[in-house]
Amino acid sequence: MKHQSKLNSEQQQSQQTGTEQHAEQSPSLEFATADELLRYDADRTVVPAGIEHRLQKSAGDLPPPSKPSWWTRLFGGTGL
């Protein structure tokens, strides 16, 4: 039994045109790592002013990072 489409030829053409336009507007991108994807997205995402202000205030309350111990500087890494 064949499944027949209920769309007429005009509707099919408009769907194809819409799909083609969408493909032209957003080319597919590939990233080697998740970090690259996140950095790419962060560069293009606008943070609302209210959230940006709250983040700066929160980060301002944090103590400065402590100096790493001599053995961490010598051997690198986190010691795990």
Protein backbone atom coordinates (compact mmCIF):
# COMPACT_ATOMS: atom_id res chain seq x y z
CA MET A 1 0.00 0.00 0.00
CA LYS A 2 1.44 3.36 -1.03
CA HIS A 3 1.43 6.36 1.28
CA GLN A 4 0.36 9.43 -0.66
CA SER A 5 1.33 12.93 0.34
CA LYS A 6 -1.54 15.33 0.93
CA LEU A 7 0.53 18.33 -0.16
CA ASN A 8 -0.05 19.77 -3.57
CA SER A 9 2.89 20.78 -5.77
CA GLU A 10 2.73 24.45 -4.72
CA GLN A 11 3.02 23.56 -1.03
CA GLN A 12 5.90 21.19 -1.74
CA GLN A 13 7.75 23.92 -3.64
CA SER A 14 7.27 26.43 -0.82
CA GLN A 15 8.58 23.87 1.69
CA GLN A 16 11.63 23.18 -0.48
CA THR A 17 12.27 26.91 -0.94
CA GLY A 18 11.99 27.48 2.82
CA THR A 19 14.41 24.63 3.50
CA GLU A 20 16.89 25.96 0.94
CA GLN A 21 16.73 29.47 2.41
CA HIS A 22 17.34 28.11 5.92
CA ALA A 23 20.33 26.12 4.69
CA GLU A 24 21.81 29.22 3.04
CA GLN A 25 21.39 31.34 6.17
CA SER A 26 23.03 28.99 8.64
CA PRO A 27 25.98 27.02 7.30
CA SER A 28 26.88 23.99 9.34
CA LEU A 29 29.96 24.30 11.51
CA GLU A 30 32.10 21.57 13.01
CA PHE A 31 34.13 21.93 16.19
CA ALA A 32 37.00 19.71 17.29
CA THR A 33 36.13 20.07 20.97
CA ALA A 34 33.23 21.17 23.12
CA ASP A 35 35.37 24.05 24.39
CA GLU A 36 35.61 25.46 20.87
CA LEU A 37 31.84 25.28 20.53
CA LEU A 38 31.31 27.06 23.84
CA ARG A 39 33.81 29.79 22.96
CA TYR A 40 32.18 30.28 19.56
CA ASP A 41 28.76 30.55 21.16
CA ALA A 42 29.98 32.88 23.93
CA ASP A 43 31.47 35.27 21.36
CA ARG A 44 28.09 35.59 19.66
CA THR A 45 25.77 35.65 22.66
CA VAL A 46 24.75 39.01 24.09
CA VAL A 47 24.41 38.99 27.88
CA PRO A 48 21.61 41.22 29.20
CA ALA A 49 22.86 44.25 31.16
CA GLY A 50 21.17 43.20 34.41
CA ILE A 51 22.78 39.76 34.40
CA GLU A 52 26.16 41.20 33.43
CA HIS A 53 26.00 43.60 36.39
CA ARG A 54 25.07 40.82 38.84
CA LEU A 55 27.90 38.59 37.56
CA GLN A 56 30.45 41.38 37.92
CA LYS A 57 29.23 42.06 41.46
CA SER A 58 29.43 38.35 42.37
CA ALA A 59 32.88 37.93 40.88
CA GLY A 60 34.08 41.06 42.67
CA ASP A 61 33.27 39.45 46.03
CA LEU A 62 35.53 36.45 45.34
CA PRO A 63 38.99 36.38 46.89
CA PRO A 64 41.92 36.53 44.46
CA PRO A 65 43.29 33.13 43.44
CA SER A 66 45.99 31.87 45.74
CA LYS A 67 49.54 31.39 44.51
CA PRO A 68 50.12 27.75 43.49
CA SER A 69 52.51 25.76 45.66
CA TRP A 70 56.09 25.24 44.50
CA TRP A 71 55.51 21.60 43.61
CA THR A 72 52.44 22.47 41.51
CA ARG A 73 54.49 25.05 39.59
CA LEU A 74 57.35 22.58 39.20
CA PHE A 75 55.35 19.52 38.12
CA GLY A 76 52.22 21.24 36.77
CA GLY A 77 48.72 19.94 37.00
CA THR A 78 46.35 19.73 39.92
CA GLY A 79 48.06 16.95 41.85
CA LEU A 80 45.37 14.36 41.13
